[in-house]
Amino acid sequence: MSAALARPLVHTVHVLTFTVLLATALLLLLPTLRATLTGGYSLLIRDAHRWGGVAFAALPAALLLYFGGRAVFVAPAHRTWRTVWQGAHVGVTLLLGAVFTLTGFIIWWKRWLPDGLVDTSRSVHDGLTYVAIVLVGAHLVEVALAALIARVQTVAAWPSSKSES
């Protein structure tokens, strides 16, 4: 497999697993929504969230091991506001992913851990869910703005019909 696929593949895997986690998290956090959509509590939702978390952590890690960090974390040729934002986004994503994974496993294995640690982990995990929603929204706005700016620059660079005559 080509190293050029590394970044888009990691991004796609992260998007897909995060989407599963966000959907199941909302169903777990919002009982009214869960009752409306599923009729009540479902172990399937809980298990999908748990195993989605395993995939969220394991699949990008496996891709990093396969391709190597240099294929995924490539420094930009030119430093712009967007590349700085993207670097910060990657850093925050890695940090949040690590904290989500750690707190998720603590919640999952609550039988063997102190109640205080489990309660703190649950609070952090739930709070970060809302932070992640805001960050995903900001990411989508940034991508949309970048696409709009690129389109405007392309259109502005087209020769006008008067100058061709």
C-alpha atoms as a PDB file:
ATOM      1  CA  MET A   1       0.000   0.000   0.000  1.00  0.00           C
ATOM      2  CA  SER A   2       1.320   3.436  -0.941  1.00  0.00           C
ATOM      3  CA  ALA A   3       2.534   5.805   1.776  1.00  0.00           C
ATOM      4  CA  ALA A   4       0.515   8.538   0.021  1.00  0.00           C
ATOM      5  CA  LEU A   5      -2.595   6.787   1.344  1.00  0.00           C
ATOM      6  CA  ALA A   6      -1.438   6.988   4.962  1.00  0.00           C
ATOM      7  CA  ARG A   7      -2.898  10.385   5.909  1.00  0.00           C
ATOM      8  CA  PRO A   8      -6.252  10.030   4.138  1.00  0.00           C
ATOM      9  CA  LEU A   9      -6.620   6.484   5.455  1.00  0.00           C
ATOM     10  CA  VAL A  10      -5.911   7.508   9.060  1.00  0.00           C
ATOM     11  CA  HIS A  11      -8.311  10.442   8.691  1.00  0.00           C
ATOM     12  CA  THR A  12     -11.055   8.233   7.210  1.00  0.00           C
ATOM     13  CA  VAL A  13     -10.672   5.595   9.916  1.00  0.00           C
ATOM     14  CA  HIS A  14     -10.793   8.287  12.591  1.00  0.00           C
ATOM     15  CA  VAL A  15     -13.872   9.934  11.062  1.00  0.00           C
ATOM     16  CA  LEU A  16     -15.748   6.642  10.817  1.00  0.00           C
ATOM     17  CA  THR A  17     -14.906   5.408  14.308  1.00  0.00           C
ATOM     18  CA  PHE A  18     -15.531   8.850  15.838  1.00  0.00           C
ATOM     19  CA  THR A  19     -18.938   8.988  14.132  1.00  0.00           C
ATOM     20  CA  VAL A  20     -19.893   5.634  15.675  1.00  0.00           C
ATOM     21  CA  LEU A  21     -18.662   6.831  19.058  1.00  0.00           C
ATOM     22  CA  LEU A  22     -20.470  10.161  18.843  1.00  0.00           C
ATOM     23  CA  ALA A  23     -23.756   8.571  17.764  1.00  0.00           C
ATOM     24  CA  THR A  24     -23.649   5.937  20.502  1.00  0.00           C
ATOM     25  CA  ALA A  25     -22.450   8.491  23.089  1.00  0.00           C
ATOM     26  CA  LEU A  26     -25.403  10.753  22.357  1.00  0.00           C
ATOM     27  CA  LEU A  27     -27.745   7.793  22.765  1.00  0.00           C
ATOM     28  CA  LEU A  28     -26.084   6.888  26.067  1.00  0.00           C
ATOM     29  CA  LEU A  29     -26.005  10.480  27.384  1.00  0.00           C
ATOM     30  CA  LEU A  30     -29.495  11.532  26.290  1.00  0.00           C
ATOM     31  CA  PRO A  31     -32.084   9.089  27.649  1.00  0.00           C
ATOM     32  CA  THR A  32     -35.025  10.821  25.921  1.00  0.00           C
ATOM     33  CA  LEU A  33     -33.330  10.538  22.521  1.00  0.00           C
ATOM     34  CA  ARG A  34     -32.412   6.925  23.245  1.00  0.00           C
ATOM     35  CA  ALA A  35     -35.985   6.079  24.299  1.00  0.00           C
ATOM     36  CA  THR A  36     -37.380   7.755  21.192  1.00  0.00           C
ATOM     37  CA  LEU A  37     -35.039   5.943  18.811  1.00  0.00           C
ATOM     38  CA  THR A  38     -34.622   2.571  20.489  1.00  0.00           C
ATOM     39  CA  GLY A  39     -37.428   2.257  23.025  1.00  0.00           C
ATOM     40  CA  GLY A  40     -35.134   2.246  26.048  1.00  0.00           C
ATOM     41  CA  TYR A  41     -31.703   1.104  27.183  1.00  0.00           C
ATOM     42  CA  SER A  42     -29.859  -1.230  24.901  1.00  0.00           C
ATOM     43  CA  LEU A  43     -26.765  -3.259  25.671  1.00  0.00           C
ATOM     44  CA  LEU A  44     -26.095  -3.183  21.930  1.00  0.00           C
ATOM     45  CA  ILE A  45     -25.565   0.602  22.109  1.00  0.00           C
ATOM     46  CA  ARG A  46     -23.219   0.225  25.074  1.00  0.00           C
ATOM     47  CA  ASP A  47     -21.255  -2.549  23.385  1.00  0.00           C
ATOM     48  CA  ALA A  48     -21.084  -0.675  20.069  1.00  0.00           C
ATOM     49  CA  HIS A  49     -19.671   2.305  21.978  1.00  0.00           C
ATOM     50  CA  ARG A  50     -17.100   0.180  23.795  1.00  0.00           C
ATOM     51  CA  TRP A  51     -15.880  -1.654  20.708  1.00  0.00           C
ATOM     52  CA  GLY A  52     -16.035   1.547  18.670  1.00  0.00           C
ATOM     53  CA  GLY A  53     -13.629   2.966  21.254  1.00  0.00           C
ATOM     54  CA  VAL A  54     -11.297   0.032  20.775  1.00  0.00           C
ATOM     55  CA  ALA A  55     -11.373   0.602  17.005  1.00  0.00           C
ATOM     56  CA  PHE A  56     -10.911   4.373  17.528  1.00  0.00           C
ATOM     57  CA  ALA A  57      -7.646   3.702  19.378  1.00  0.00           C
ATOM     58  CA  ALA A  58      -6.389   0.544  17.668  1.00  0.00           C
ATOM     59  CA  LEU A  59      -6.969   1.196  13.953  1.00  0.00           C
ATOM     60  CA  PRO A  60      -5.079   4.515  13.683  1.00  0.00           C
ATOM     61  CA  ALA A  61      -2.316   3.029  15.864  1.00  0.00           C
ATOM     62  CA  ALA A  62      -2.065   0.024  13.532  1.00  0.00           C
ATOM     63  CA  LEU A  63      -1.906   2.335  10.496  1.00  0.00           C
ATOM     64  CA  LEU A  64       0.823   4.396  12.173  1.00  0.00           C
ATOM     65  CA  LEU A  65       2.823   1.246  12.818  1.00  0.00           C
ATOM     66  CA  TYR A  66       2.312   0.070   9.241  1.00  0.00           C
ATOM     67  CA  PHE A  67       3.124   3.341   7.452  1.00  0.00           C
ATOM     68  CA  GLY A  68       5.362   4.972  10.040  1.00  0.00           C
ATOM     69  CA  GLY A  69       4.932   8.339  11.669  1.00  0.00           C
ATOM     70  CA  ARG A  70       6.705  10.262   8.890  1.00  0.00           C
ATOM     71  CA  ALA A  71       4.105   9.193   6.321  1.00  0.00           C
ATOM     72  CA  VAL A  72       1.247  10.427   8.525  1.00  0.00           C
ATOM     73  CA  PHE A  73       2.754  13.461  10.255  1.00  0.00           C
ATOM     74  CA  VAL A  74       4.253  15.346   7.336  1.00  0.00           C
ATOM     75  CA  ALA A  75       5.476  18.883   7.955  1.00  0.00           C
ATOM     76  CA  PRO A  76       3.981  21.395   5.505  1.00  0.00           C
ATOM     77  CA  ALA A  77       6.195  22.938   2.831  1.00  0.00           C
ATOM     78  CA  HIS A  78       4.967  26.446   3.724  1.00  0.00           C
ATOM     79  CA  ARG A  79       3.758  27.715   7.071  1.00  0.00           C
ATOM     80  CA  THR A  80       0.367  29.415   6.785  1.00  0.00           C
ATOM     81  CA  TRP A  81      -2.462  30.158   9.215  1.00  0.00           C
ATOM     82  CA  ARG A  82      -4.162  27.004   7.948  1.00  0.00           C
ATOM     83  CA  THR A  83      -1.165  24.701   8.434  1.00  0.00           C
ATOM     84  CA  VAL A  84      -0.672  26.093  11.944  1.00  0.00           C
ATOM     85  CA  TRP A  85      -4.379  25.460  12.652  1.00  0.00           C
ATOM     86  CA  GLN A  86      -4.096  21.944  11.200  1.00  0.00           C
ATOM     87  CA  GLY A  87      -1.059  21.202  13.358  1.00  0.00           C
ATOM     88  CA  ALA A  88      -2.904  22.409  16.450  1.00  0.00           C
ATOM     89  CA  HIS A  89      -5.926  20.352  15.383  1.00  0.00           C
ATOM     90  CA  VAL A  90      -3.803  17.205  15.087  1.00  0.00           C
ATOM     91  CA  GLY A  91      -2.229  17.851  18.491  1.00  0.00           C
ATOM     92  CA  VAL A  92      -5.580  18.422  20.193  1.00  0.00           C
ATOM     93  CA  THR A  93      -7.042  15.368  18.421  1.00  0.00           C
ATOM     94  CA  LEU A  94      -4.194  13.184  19.676  1.00  0.00           C
ATOM     95  CA  LEU A  95      -4.524  14.531  23.223  1.00  0.00           C
ATOM     96  CA  LEU A  96      -8.316  14.155  23.314  1.00  0.00           C
ATOM     97  CA  GLY A  97      -8.077  10.704  21.724  1.00  0.00           C
ATOM     98  CA  ALA A  98      -5.623   9.574  24.401  1.00  0.00           C
ATOM     99  CA  VAL A  99      -7.759  10.958  27.242  1.00  0.00           C
ATOM    100  CA  PHE A 100     -10.964   9.517  25.723  1.00  0.00           C
ATOM    101  CA  THR A 101      -9.283   6.120  25.371  1.00  0.00           C
ATOM    102  CA  LEU A 102      -7.859   6.117  28.912  1.00  0.00           C
ATOM    103  CA  THR A 103     -11.072   7.276  30.582  1.00  0.00           C
ATOM    104  CA  GLY A 104     -13.150   4.950  28.418  1.00  0.00           C
ATOM    105  CA  PHE A 105     -11.161   1.911  29.487  1.00  0.00           C
ATOM    106  CA  ILE A 106     -11.370   2.992  33.130  1.00  0.00           C
ATOM    107  CA  ILE A 107     -15.171   3.244  32.814  1.00  0.00           C
ATOM    108  CA  TRP A 108     -15.326  -0.103  31.005  1.00  0.00           C
ATOM    109  CA  TRP A 109     -13.250  -1.860  33.671  1.00  0.00           C
ATOM    110  CA  LYS A 110     -14.957  -0.158  36.610  1.00  0.00           C
ATOM    111  CA  ARG A 111     -15.352  -3.385  38.585  1.00  0.00           C
ATOM    112  CA  TRP A 112     -11.626  -3.564  39.230  1.00  0.00           C
ATOM    113  CA  LEU A 113     -10.895   0.109  39.894  1.00  0.00           C
ATOM    114  CA  PRO A 114     -11.611   2.532  42.745  1.00  0.00           C
ATOM    115  CA  ASP A 115     -14.992   4.284  42.583  1.00  0.00           C
ATOM    116  CA  GLY A 116     -13.417   7.746  42.790  1.00  0.00           C
ATOM    117  CA  LEU A 117     -11.261   7.088  39.730  1.00  0.00           C
ATOM    118  CA  VAL A 118     -14.236   5.716  37.799  1.00  0.00           C
ATOM    119  CA  ASP A 119     -16.448   8.697  38.743  1.00  0.00           C
ATOM    120  CA  THR A 120     -13.760  11.200  37.745  1.00  0.00           C
ATOM    121  CA  SER A 121     -13.124   9.338  34.493  1.00  0.00           C
ATOM    122  CA  ARG A 122     -16.842   9.330  33.677  1.00  0.00           C
ATOM    123  CA  SER A 123     -17.092  13.095  34.296  1.00  0.00           C
ATOM    124  CA  VAL A 124     -14.024  13.810  32.156  1.00  0.00           C
ATOM    125  CA  HIS A 125     -15.194  11.440  29.414  1.00  0.00           C
ATOM    126  CA  ASP A 126     -18.696  12.951  29.305  1.00  0.00           C
ATOM    127  CA  GLY A 127     -17.374  16.520  29.391  1.00  0.00           C
ATOM    128  CA  LEU A 128     -14.907  15.847  26.596  1.00  0.00           C
ATOM    129  CA  THR A 129     -17.781  14.569  24.465  1.00  0.00           C
ATOM    130  CA  TYR A 130     -19.212  18.090  24.391  1.00  0.00           C
ATOM    131  CA  VAL A 131     -15.757  19.586  23.772  1.00  0.00           C
ATOM    132  CA  ALA A 132     -15.278  17.170  20.863  1.00  0.00           C
ATOM    133  CA  ILE A 133     -18.619  18.188  19.351  1.00  0.00           C
ATOM    134  CA  VAL A 134     -17.527  21.845  19.398  1.00  0.00           C
ATOM    135  CA  LEU A 135     -14.128  20.975  17.922  1.00  0.00           C
ATOM    136  CA  VAL A 136     -15.669  18.897  15.128  1.00  0.00           C
ATOM    137  CA  GLY A 137     -17.934  21.846  14.347  1.00  0.00           C
ATOM    138  CA  ALA A 138     -14.925  24.188  14.254  1.00  0.00           C
ATOM    139  CA  HIS A 139     -13.074  21.732  12.012  1.00  0.00           C
ATOM    140  CA  LEU A 140     -15.988  21.570   9.572  1.00  0.00           C
ATOM    141  CA  VAL A 141     -16.235  25.374   9.479  1.00  0.00           C
ATOM    142  CA  GLU A 142     -12.487  25.612   8.839  1.00  0.00           C
ATOM    143  CA  VAL A 143     -12.681  23.109   5.965  1.00  0.00           C
ATOM    144  CA  ALA A 144     -15.661  24.937   4.457  1.00  0.00           C
ATOM    145  CA  LEU A 145     -13.916  28.319   4.728  1.00  0.00           C
ATOM    146  CA  ALA A 146     -10.725  26.952   3.194  1.00  0.00           C
ATOM    147  CA  ALA A 147     -12.715  25.511   0.274  1.00  0.00           C
ATOM    148  CA  LEU A 148     -14.567  28.814  -0.182  1.00  0.00           C
ATOM    149  CA  ILE A 149     -11.334  30.831  -0.098  1.00  0.00           C
ATOM    150  CA  ALA A 150      -9.707  28.468  -2.610  1.00  0.00           C
ATOM    151  CA  ARG A 151     -12.708  28.781  -4.922  1.00  0.00           C
ATOM    152  CA  VAL A 152     -12.728  32.599  -4.693  1.00  0.00           C
ATOM    153  CA  GLN A 153      -8.995  32.722  -5.397  1.00  0.00           C
ATOM    154  CA  THR A 154      -9.442  30.429  -8.400  1.00  0.00           C
ATOM    155  CA  VAL A 155     -12.278  32.511  -9.805  1.00  0.00           C
ATOM    156  CA  ALA A 156     -10.352  35.747  -9.198  1.00  0.00           C
ATOM    157  CA  ALA A 157      -7.356  34.312 -11.070  1.00  0.00           C
ATOM    158  CA  TRP A 158      -9.395  33.501 -14.225  1.00  0.00           C
ATOM    159  CA  PRO A 159      -8.737  35.939 -17.054  1.00  0.00           C
ATOM    160  CA  SER A 160     -11.715  38.151 -17.765  1.00  0.00           C
ATOM    161  CA  SER A 161     -13.423  37.903 -21.146  1.00  0.00           C
ATOM    162  CA  LYS A 162     -12.535  41.563 -21.885  1.00  0.00           C
ATOM    163  CA  SER A 163      -8.820  40.990 -21.543  1.00  0.00           C
ATOM    164  CA  GLU A 164      -8.954  38.068 -23.977  1.00  0.00           C
ATOM    165  CA  SER A 165     -10.575  40.189 -26.735  1.00  0.00           C
END
